[in-house]
C-alpha atoms as a PDB file:
ATOM      1  CA  UNK A   1      -0.739  13.699  28.186  1.00  0.00           C
ATOM      2  CA  UNK A   2       1.109  10.682  29.550  1.00  0.00           C
ATOM      3  CA  UNK A   3      -1.917   8.484  28.831  1.00  0.00           C
ATOM      4  CA  UNK A   4      -2.146   9.817  25.249  1.00  0.00           C
ATOM      5  CA  UNK A   5       1.574   9.169  24.829  1.00  0.00           C
ATOM      6  CA  UNK A   6       1.179   5.552  25.935  1.00  0.00           C
ATOM      7  CA  UNK A   7      -1.749   5.120  23.537  1.00  0.00           C
ATOM      8  CA  UNK A   8       0.328   6.455  20.622  1.00  0.00           C
ATOM      9  CA  UNK A   9       3.203   4.149  21.563  1.00  0.00           C
ATOM     10  CA  UNK A  10       0.854   1.204  21.227  1.00  0.00           C
ATOM     11  CA  UNK A  11      -0.675   2.445  17.972  1.00  0.00           C
ATOM     12  CA  UNK A  12       2.526   3.419  16.159  1.00  0.00           C
ATOM     13  CA  UNK A  13       5.526   1.058  16.156  1.00  0.00           C
ATOM     14  CA  UNK A  14       9.041   2.359  16.571  1.00  0.00           C
ATOM     15  CA  UNK A  15      10.297   3.764  13.280  1.00  0.00           C
ATOM     16  CA  UNK A  16      13.591   1.943  12.784  1.00  0.00           C
ATOM     17  CA  UNK A  17      15.200   2.914   9.442  1.00  0.00           C
ATOM     18  CA  UNK A  18      15.353  -0.147   7.184  1.00  0.00           C
ATOM     19  CA  UNK A  19      15.789   1.434   3.749  1.00  0.00           C
ATOM     20  CA  UNK A  20      18.744   0.518   1.572  1.00  0.00           C
ATOM     21  CA  UNK A  21      20.328   2.398  -1.334  1.00  0.00           C
ATOM     22  CA  UNK A  22      18.587   0.124  -3.828  1.00  0.00           C
ATOM     23  CA  UNK A  23      15.838   1.923  -5.738  1.00  0.00           C
ATOM     24  CA  UNK A  24      12.665  -0.142  -6.058  1.00  0.00           C
ATOM     25  CA  UNK A  25      10.447   2.283  -7.958  1.00  0.00           C
ATOM     26  CA  UNK A  26      11.337   5.327 -10.044  1.00  0.00           C
ATOM     27  CA  UNK A  27       8.636   7.595 -11.424  1.00  0.00           C
ATOM     28  CA  UNK A  28       9.528  10.292 -13.976  1.00  0.00           C
ATOM     29  CA  UNK A  29       7.207  12.959 -15.387  1.00  0.00           C
ATOM     30  CA  UNK A  30       4.079  10.920 -14.673  1.00  0.00           C
ATOM     31  CA  UNK A  31       1.017  12.732 -15.994  1.00  0.00           C
ATOM     32  CA  UNK A  32      -2.616  11.951 -16.712  1.00  0.00           C
ATOM     33  CA  UNK A  33      -5.393  13.993 -18.258  1.00  0.00           C
ATOM     34  CA  UNK A  34      -7.381  13.783 -15.032  1.00  0.00           C
ATOM     35  CA  UNK A  35      -5.168  15.109 -12.240  1.00  0.00           C
ATOM     36  CA  UNK A  36      -1.429  14.335 -12.472  1.00  0.00           C
ATOM     37  CA  UNK A  37       1.030  16.861 -13.849  1.00  0.00           C
ATOM     38  CA  UNK A  38       4.665  15.802 -14.044  1.00  0.00           C
ATOM     39  CA  UNK A  39       5.189  13.677 -10.923  1.00  0.00           C
ATOM     40  CA  UNK A  40       8.778  12.620 -10.134  1.00  0.00           C
ATOM     41  CA  UNK A  41       9.973  10.554  -7.172  1.00  0.00           C
ATOM     42  CA  UNK A  42      11.783   7.382  -6.193  1.00  0.00           C
ATOM     43  CA  UNK A  43      11.024   4.739  -3.578  1.00  0.00           C
ATOM     44  CA  UNK A  44      13.766   2.640  -2.034  1.00  0.00           C
ATOM     45  CA  UNK A  45      13.887  -0.932  -0.837  1.00  0.00           C
ATOM     46  CA  UNK A  46      12.902  -1.088   2.840  1.00  0.00           C
ATOM     47  CA  UNK A  47      11.253   2.340   2.797  1.00  0.00           C
ATOM     48  CA  UNK A  48       7.772   3.458   3.839  1.00  0.00           C
ATOM     49  CA  UNK A  49       7.142   6.528   1.678  1.00  0.00           C
ATOM     50  CA  UNK A  50       4.091   8.563   2.626  1.00  0.00           C
ATOM     51  CA  UNK A  51       1.896  10.524   0.216  1.00  0.00           C
ATOM     52  CA  UNK A  52       0.021  13.439   1.769  1.00  0.00           C
ATOM     53  CA  UNK A  53      -1.451  16.833   1.035  1.00  0.00           C
ATOM     54  CA  UNK A  54      -4.998  18.099   0.904  1.00  0.00           C
ATOM     55  CA  UNK A  55      -7.437  15.534  -0.459  1.00  0.00           C
ATOM     56  CA  UNK A  56      -8.222  15.772  -4.157  1.00  0.00           C
ATOM     57  CA  UNK A  57      -4.793  16.928  -5.307  1.00  0.00           C
ATOM     58  CA  UNK A  58      -3.840  13.815  -7.268  1.00  0.00           C
ATOM     59  CA  UNK A  59      -3.155  11.203  -4.595  1.00  0.00           C
ATOM     60  CA  UNK A  60      -5.846   8.806  -5.828  1.00  0.00           C
ATOM     61  CA  UNK A  61      -4.830   9.286  -9.469  1.00  0.00           C
ATOM     62  CA  UNK A  62      -1.171   8.630  -8.630  1.00  0.00           C
ATOM     63  CA  UNK A  63      -1.954   5.251  -7.106  1.00  0.00           C
ATOM     64  CA  UNK A  64      -4.313   4.331  -9.948  1.00  0.00           C
ATOM     65  CA  UNK A  65      -1.721   5.277 -12.574  1.00  0.00           C
ATOM     66  CA  UNK A  66       1.048   3.287 -10.865  1.00  0.00           C
ATOM     67  CA  UNK A  67      -1.170   0.223 -10.663  1.00  0.00           C
ATOM     68  CA  UNK A  68      -2.248   0.589 -14.280  1.00  0.00           C
ATOM     69  CA  UNK A  69      -5.893   1.253 -13.476  1.00  0.00           C
ATOM     70  CA  UNK A  70      -5.849   4.575 -15.375  1.00  0.00           C
ATOM     71  CA  UNK A  71      -3.831   5.649 -18.400  1.00  0.00           C
ATOM     72  CA  UNK A  72      -0.882   7.941 -17.827  1.00  0.00           C
ATOM     73  CA  UNK A  73       2.211   9.164 -19.656  1.00  0.00           C
ATOM     74  CA  UNK A  74       5.730   9.260 -18.297  1.00  0.00           C
ATOM     75  CA  UNK A  75       8.244   6.620 -17.279  1.00  0.00           C
ATOM     76  CA  UNK A  76       8.153   4.016 -14.517  1.00  0.00           C
ATOM     77  CA  UNK A  77      11.056   1.765 -13.506  1.00  0.00           C
ATOM     78  CA  UNK A  78      10.798  -1.212 -11.170  1.00  0.00           C
ATOM     79  CA  UNK A  79      14.041  -2.418  -9.619  1.00  0.00           C
ATOM     80  CA  UNK A  80      16.038  -0.578 -12.294  1.00  0.00           C
ATOM     81  CA  UNK A  81      14.125  -1.926 -15.284  1.00  0.00           C
ATOM     82  CA  UNK A  82      11.593  -0.005 -17.405  1.00  0.00           C
ATOM     83  CA  UNK A  83       8.054  -1.128 -16.622  1.00  0.00           C
ATOM     84  CA  UNK A  84       5.132  -0.919 -19.023  1.00  0.00           C
ATOM     85  CA  UNK A  85       2.235  -1.107 -16.617  1.00  0.00           C
ATOM     86  CA  UNK A  86      -0.870  -1.019 -18.762  1.00  0.00           C
ATOM     87  CA  UNK A  87      -3.394  -2.790 -16.579  1.00  0.00           C
ATOM     88  CA  UNK A  88      -3.660  -4.281 -13.064  1.00  0.00           C
ATOM     89  CA  UNK A  89      -2.927  -7.822 -14.269  1.00  0.00           C
ATOM     90  CA  UNK A  90       0.291  -6.580 -15.856  1.00  0.00           C
ATOM     91  CA  UNK A  91       1.242  -4.862 -12.601  1.00  0.00           C
ATOM     92  CA  UNK A  92       1.054  -8.157 -10.686  1.00  0.00           C
ATOM     93  CA  UNK A  93       4.107  -9.824 -12.170  1.00  0.00           C
ATOM     94  CA  UNK A  94       5.546 -11.749  -9.253  1.00  0.00           C
ATOM     95  CA  UNK A  95       8.464 -10.470  -7.223  1.00  0.00           C
ATOM     96  CA  UNK A  96       9.182  -7.632  -9.651  1.00  0.00           C
ATOM     97  CA  UNK A  97       5.569  -6.447  -9.630  1.00  0.00           C
ATOM     98  CA  UNK A  98       3.339  -3.966  -7.861  1.00  0.00           C
ATOM     99  CA  UNK A  99       0.386  -4.854  -5.633  1.00  0.00           C
ATOM    100  CA  UNK A 100      -2.333  -2.544  -4.348  1.00  0.00           C
ATOM    101  CA  UNK A 101      -4.508  -2.260  -1.258  1.00  0.00           C
ATOM    102  CA  UNK A 102      -7.288  -0.180  -2.841  1.00  0.00           C
ATOM    103  CA  UNK A 103      -9.326   2.666  -1.446  1.00  0.00           C
ATOM    104  CA  UNK A 104     -12.703   0.917  -1.783  1.00  0.00           C
ATOM    105  CA  UNK A 105     -12.222  -2.211   0.300  1.00  0.00           C
ATOM    106  CA  UNK A 106     -15.653  -3.730  -0.260  1.00  0.00           C
ATOM    107  CA  UNK A 107     -16.023  -2.660  -3.886  1.00  0.00           C
ATOM    108  CA  UNK A 108     -12.521  -3.191  -5.308  1.00  0.00           C
ATOM    109  CA  UNK A 109     -10.579  -5.301  -2.856  1.00  0.00           C
ATOM    110  CA  UNK A 110     -12.908  -8.149  -1.939  1.00  0.00           C
ATOM    111  CA  UNK A 111     -15.384 -10.557  -3.457  1.00  0.00           C
ATOM    112  CA  UNK A 112     -17.894 -10.346  -0.622  1.00  0.00           C
ATOM    113  CA  UNK A 113     -19.876 -13.438  -1.630  1.00  0.00           C
ATOM    114  CA  UNK A 114     -16.726 -15.575  -1.878  1.00  0.00           C
ATOM    115  CA  UNK A 115     -14.901 -17.253   0.994  1.00  0.00           C
ATOM    116  CA  UNK A 116     -11.772 -16.021   2.751  1.00  0.00           C
ATOM    117  CA  UNK A 117      -9.862 -18.801   0.962  1.00  0.00           C
ATOM    118  CA  UNK A 118     -11.134 -17.811  -2.470  1.00  0.00           C
ATOM    119  CA  UNK A 119     -10.385 -14.133  -1.889  1.00  0.00           C
ATOM    120  CA  UNK A 120      -6.827 -14.947  -0.858  1.00  0.00           C
ATOM    121  CA  UNK A 121      -6.031 -17.317  -3.709  1.00  0.00           C
ATOM    122  CA  UNK A 122      -8.124 -16.524  -6.803  1.00  0.00           C
ATOM    123  CA  UNK A 123      -5.645 -14.009  -8.230  1.00  0.00           C
ATOM    124  CA  UNK A 124      -2.658 -16.328  -7.637  1.00  0.00           C
ATOM    125  CA  UNK A 125      -4.254 -19.652  -8.549  1.00  0.00           C
ATOM    126  CA  UNK A 126      -1.251 -20.538 -10.754  1.00  0.00           C
ATOM    127  CA  UNK A 127       0.828 -20.951  -7.602  1.00  0.00           C
ATOM    128  CA  UNK A 128      -1.254 -23.986  -6.662  1.00  0.00           C
ATOM    129  CA  UNK A 129      -1.562 -25.478 -10.146  1.00  0.00           C
ATOM    130  CA  UNK A 130       0.766 -28.100 -11.589  1.00  0.00           C
ATOM    131  CA  UNK A 131       0.191 -29.637 -15.028  1.00  0.00           C
ATOM    132  CA  UNK A 132      -3.249 -28.081 -15.092  1.00  0.00           C
ATOM    133  CA  UNK A 133      -4.271 -29.638 -11.776  1.00  0.00           C
ATOM    134  CA  UNK A 134      -5.071 -27.593  -8.680  1.00  0.00           C
ATOM    135  CA  UNK A 135      -3.306 -28.745  -5.514  1.00  0.00           C
ATOM    136  CA  UNK A 136      -5.884 -28.189  -2.759  1.00  0.00           C
ATOM    137  CA  UNK A 137      -3.287 -29.263  -0.200  1.00  0.00           C
ATOM    138  CA  UNK A 138      -0.804 -26.598  -1.274  1.00  0.00           C
ATOM    139  CA  UNK A 139      -3.585 -24.004  -1.401  1.00  0.00           C
ATOM    140  CA  UNK A 140      -4.849 -24.923   2.084  1.00  0.00           C
ATOM    141  CA  UNK A 141      -1.326 -24.728   3.541  1.00  0.00           C
ATOM    142  CA  UNK A 142      -0.700 -21.237   2.142  1.00  0.00           C
ATOM    143  CA  UNK A 143      -4.138 -20.010   3.216  1.00  0.00           C
ATOM    144  CA  UNK A 144      -3.547 -21.266   6.773  1.00  0.00           C
ATOM    145  CA  UNK A 145      -0.114 -19.650   6.830  1.00  0.00           C
ATOM    146  CA  UNK A 146      -1.559 -16.286   5.742  1.00  0.00           C
ATOM    147  CA  UNK A 147      -4.560 -16.452   8.114  1.00  0.00           C
ATOM    148  CA  UNK A 148      -2.214 -17.223  11.020  1.00  0.00           C
ATOM    149  CA  UNK A 149       0.382 -14.624  10.001  1.00  0.00           C
ATOM    150  CA  UNK A 150      -2.171 -11.808   9.730  1.00  0.00           C
ATOM    151  CA  UNK A 151      -4.316 -13.062  12.624  1.00  0.00           C
ATOM    152  CA  UNK A 152      -7.449 -13.023  10.470  1.00  0.00           C
ATOM    153  CA  UNK A 153     -10.386 -13.802  12.730  1.00  0.00           C
ATOM    154  CA  UNK A 154     -12.642 -16.117  10.720  1.00  0.00           C
ATOM    155  CA  UNK A 155     -14.439 -19.268  11.845  1.00  0.00           C
ATOM    156  CA  UNK A 156     -12.944 -21.208   8.936  1.00  0.00           C
ATOM    157  CA  UNK A 157     -11.278 -20.247   5.636  1.00  0.00           C
ATOM    158  CA  UNK A 158     -14.643 -21.022   4.020  1.00  0.00           C
ATOM    159  CA  UNK A 159     -16.396 -18.169   5.865  1.00  0.00           C
ATOM    160  CA  UNK A 160     -17.741 -15.561   3.438  1.00  0.00           C
ATOM    161  CA  UNK A 161     -15.624 -12.411   3.300  1.00  0.00           C
ATOM    162  CA  UNK A 162     -18.729 -10.239   3.481  1.00  0.00           C
ATOM    163  CA  UNK A 163     -19.500 -11.504   6.986  1.00  0.00           C
ATOM    164  CA  UNK A 164     -16.125 -10.446   8.454  1.00  0.00           C
ATOM    165  CA  UNK A 165     -15.503  -7.245  10.434  1.00  0.00           C
ATOM    166  CA  UNK A 166     -13.970  -4.309   8.548  1.00  0.00           C
ATOM    167  CA  UNK A 167     -10.573  -4.930  10.123  1.00  0.00           C
ATOM    168  CA  UNK A 168     -10.547  -8.597   9.151  1.00  0.00           C
ATOM    169  CA  UNK A 169     -11.692  -7.778   5.634  1.00  0.00           C
ATOM    170  CA  UNK A 170      -8.718  -5.444   5.330  1.00  0.00           C
ATOM    171  CA  UNK A 171      -6.400  -8.188   6.584  1.00  0.00           C
ATOM    172  CA  UNK A 172      -7.717 -10.502   3.852  1.00  0.00           C
ATOM    173  CA  UNK A 173      -6.850  -7.834   1.262  1.00  0.00           C
ATOM    174  CA  UNK A 174      -3.331  -7.577   2.728  1.00  0.00           C
ATOM    175  CA  UNK A 175      -3.036 -11.369   2.534  1.00  0.00           C
ATOM    176  CA  UNK A 176      -4.171 -11.366  -1.076  1.00  0.00           C
ATOM    177  CA  UNK A 177      -1.583  -8.688  -1.846  1.00  0.00           C
ATOM    178  CA  UNK A 178       1.250 -10.551  -0.108  1.00  0.00           C
ATOM    179  CA  UNK A 179       0.440 -13.811  -1.914  1.00  0.00           C
ATOM    180  CA  UNK A 180       1.138 -12.093  -5.253  1.00  0.00           C
ATOM    181  CA  UNK A 181       4.785 -11.939  -4.035  1.00  0.00           C
ATOM    182  CA  UNK A 182       5.080  -8.366  -5.356  1.00  0.00           C
ATOM    183  CA  UNK A 183       7.671  -6.380  -3.404  1.00  0.00           C
ATOM    184  CA  UNK A 184       6.444  -2.877  -4.256  1.00  0.00           C
ATOM    185  CA  UNK A 185       3.251  -2.273  -2.291  1.00  0.00           C
ATOM    186  CA  UNK A 186       0.763   0.547  -2.819  1.00  0.00           C
ATOM    187  CA  UNK A 187      -1.371   1.132   0.277  1.00  0.00           C
ATOM    188  CA  UNK A 188      -4.185   3.624  -0.242  1.00  0.00           C
ATOM    189  CA  UNK A 189      -5.681   4.709   3.081  1.00  0.00           C
ATOM    190  CA  UNK A 190      -5.233   1.165   4.467  1.00  0.00           C
ATOM    191  CA  UNK A 191      -6.564   1.901   7.971  1.00  0.00           C
ATOM    192  CA  UNK A 192      -9.701   3.805   7.013  1.00  0.00           C
ATOM    193  CA  UNK A 193     -12.762   2.336   8.712  1.00  0.00           C
ATOM    194  CA  UNK A 194     -10.915  -0.246  10.823  1.00  0.00           C
ATOM    195  CA  UNK A 195     -10.736  -0.423  14.618  1.00  0.00           C
ATOM    196  CA  UNK A 196      -7.792   0.961  16.582  1.00  0.00           C
ATOM    197  CA  UNK A 197      -6.393  -2.494  17.377  1.00  0.00           C
ATOM    198  CA  UNK A 198      -6.277  -3.448  13.700  1.00  0.00           C
ATOM    199  CA  UNK A 199      -4.717  -0.070  12.849  1.00  0.00           C
ATOM    200  CA  UNK A 200      -1.830  -0.845  15.178  1.00  0.00           C
ATOM    201  CA  UNK A 201      -1.421  -4.292  13.586  1.00  0.00           C
ATOM    202  CA  UNK A 202      -1.372  -2.770  10.087  1.00  0.00           C
ATOM    203  CA  UNK A 203       1.284  -0.207  11.054  1.00  0.00           C
ATOM    204  CA  UNK A 204       3.421  -2.935  12.637  1.00  0.00           C
ATOM    205  CA  UNK A 205       2.986  -5.094   9.528  1.00  0.00           C
ATOM    206  CA  UNK A 206       4.141  -2.212   7.336  1.00  0.00           C
ATOM    207  CA  UNK A 207       7.315  -1.761   9.380  1.00  0.00           C
ATOM    208  CA  UNK A 208       7.930  -5.539   9.432  1.00  0.00           C
ATOM    209  CA  UNK A 209       7.523  -5.752   5.651  1.00  0.00           C
ATOM    210  CA  UNK A 210       9.870  -2.803   5.146  1.00  0.00           C
ATOM    211  CA  UNK A 211      12.441  -4.594   7.309  1.00  0.00           C
ATOM    212  CA  UNK A 212      12.133  -7.588   4.947  1.00  0.00           C
ATOM    213  CA  UNK A 213      12.956  -5.424   1.940  1.00  0.00           C
ATOM    214  CA  UNK A 214       9.506  -4.512   0.684  1.00  0.00           C
ATOM    215  CA  UNK A 215       9.104  -0.972  -0.677  1.00  0.00           C
ATOM    216  CA  UNK A 216       5.874   0.695   0.447  1.00  0.00           C
ATOM    217  CA  UNK A 217       4.062   3.727  -0.951  1.00  0.00           C
ATOM    218  CA  UNK A 218       1.450   4.753   1.602  1.00  0.00           C
ATOM    219  CA  UNK A 219      -1.330   7.318   1.407  1.00  0.00           C
ATOM    220  CA  UNK A 220      -3.402   8.275   4.429  1.00  0.00           C
ATOM    221  CA  UNK A 221      -6.137  10.881   4.766  1.00  0.00           C
ATOM    222  CA  UNK A 222      -5.237  10.928   8.487  1.00  0.00           C
ATOM    223  CA  UNK A 223      -2.176  13.184   8.732  1.00  0.00           C
ATOM    224  CA  UNK A 224      -0.826  11.847  12.070  1.00  0.00           C
ATOM    225  CA  UNK A 225      -0.457   8.414  10.444  1.00  0.00           C
ATOM    226  CA  UNK A 226       1.946   9.852   7.869  1.00  0.00           C
ATOM    227  CA  UNK A 227       3.852  11.718  10.581  1.00  0.00           C
ATOM    228  CA  UNK A 228       4.297   8.648  12.797  1.00  0.00           C
ATOM    229  CA  UNK A 229       4.740   5.861  10.229  1.00  0.00           C
ATOM    230  CA  UNK A 230       6.463   7.176   7.072  1.00  0.00           C
ATOM    231  CA  UNK A 231      10.226   7.510   6.571  1.00  0.00           C
ATOM    232  CA  UNK A 232       9.641  10.349   4.095  1.00  0.00           C
ATOM    233  CA  UNK A 233       6.482  12.164   3.004  1.00  0.00           C
ATOM    234  CA  UNK A 234       5.652  13.439  -0.476  1.00  0.00           C
ATOM    235  CA  UNK A 235       3.218  16.356  -0.245  1.00  0.00           C
ATOM    236  CA  UNK A 236       0.995  16.713  -3.315  1.00  0.00           C
ATOM    237  CA  UNK A 237      -0.575  19.900  -4.576  1.00  0.00           C
ATOM    238  CA  UNK A 238      -2.310  20.421  -7.934  1.00  0.00           C
ATOM    239  CA  UNK A 239      -1.191  17.046  -9.244  1.00  0.00           C
ATOM    240  CA  UNK A 240       2.505  17.604  -8.514  1.00  0.00           C
ATOM    241  CA  UNK A 241       4.935  16.905  -5.687  1.00  0.00           C
ATOM    242  CA  UNK A 242       5.048  20.217  -3.803  1.00  0.00           C
ATOM    243  CA  UNK A 243       7.587  19.053  -1.196  1.00  0.00           C
ATOM    244  CA  UNK A 244       9.451  16.011   0.083  1.00  0.00           C
ATOM    245  CA  UNK A 245       9.753  15.945   3.872  1.00  0.00           C
ATOM    246  CA  UNK A 246      12.073  13.772   5.933  1.00  0.00           C
ATOM    247  CA  UNK A 247      13.448  13.472   9.435  1.00  0.00           C
ATOM    248  CA  UNK A 248      12.386  16.181  11.869  1.00  0.00           C
ATOM    249  CA  UNK A 249      10.624  18.045   9.049  1.00  0.00           C
ATOM    250  CA  UNK A 250       7.860  15.429   8.963  1.00  0.00           C
ATOM    251  CA  UNK A 251       5.133  17.156  10.959  1.00  0.00           C
ATOM    252  CA  UNK A 252       1.496  18.091  10.475  1.00  0.00           C
ATOM    253  CA  UNK A 253       2.517  21.757  10.304  1.00  0.00           C
ATOM    254  CA  UNK A 254       5.086  21.158   7.548  1.00  0.00           C
ATOM    255  CA  UNK A 255       2.705  18.950   5.542  1.00  0.00           C
ATOM    256  CA  UNK A 256      -0.008  21.610   5.731  1.00  0.00           C
ATOM    257  CA  UNK A 257       2.423  24.389   4.881  1.00  0.00           C
ATOM    258  CA  UNK A 258       3.612  22.581   1.755  1.00  0.00           C
ATOM    259  CA  UNK A 259       0.063  21.625   0.796  1.00  0.00           C
ATOM    260  CA  UNK A 260      -1.244  25.182   1.109  1.00  0.00           C
ATOM    261  CA  UNK A 261       1.584  27.031  -0.639  1.00  0.00           C
ATOM    262  CA  UNK A 262       1.411  27.573  -4.366  1.00  0.00           C
ATOM    263  CA  UNK A 263       4.103  25.462  -5.998  1.00  0.00           C
ATOM    264  CA  UNK A 264       6.586  27.230  -8.204  1.00  0.00           C
ATOM    265  CA  UNK A 265       6.799  26.097 -11.800  1.00  0.00           C
ATOM    266  CA  UNK A 266       9.575  23.574 -12.253  1.00  0.00           C
END
């Protein structure tokens, strides 16, 4: 037991509360014809908000709707202002925007036949362009900064993303997300298929980003991750929020209980 405890200590960073009273994201009566049915919640600056429940109860659709990848009705506010998020490009509007680490890393998150550099910078190319001219120097400096910050193991920034390990591919996607400068981050199962060492790095990164004022919505199909990493957990059932757990109530037992119980009509 002591050995398992030490292993968990290394995997999960200390959960120091960093949330403020400032609301980063407000979702009201979000619904879609596919799976969502009147979802309401808020996410605060500096918070890691978990999304759990049995798989297939609207978690995927929630993230897709928030990022604008699927159509939904309802109201979304970002940093106190109404947001009309109609498509992913609209969602990536600088510091007031939303960025996503998607479920399908190789299919949605990366261009496997492009280099690490291109994957990091293609969606934010305007940051390196002045008067229509691309500044390779500025691009190279930001790429190096991100590779060093995330400890991406690649021979050079020109190495093809498809040749990296799963963990390093995921780090490239995180880098791409951070370069958008969005401060509301949607992380859908971000540690799936990566090695234990990289998992620990991702959890630490999430806590570090929260401490810097980022607001993080985090889904994991691995329940212990929600229990050990999230400040609060939204439990979904039948496309709705069945329960919101916080503090000592965040446990696998409580998540399962809320996920299994029929939700009362609001």
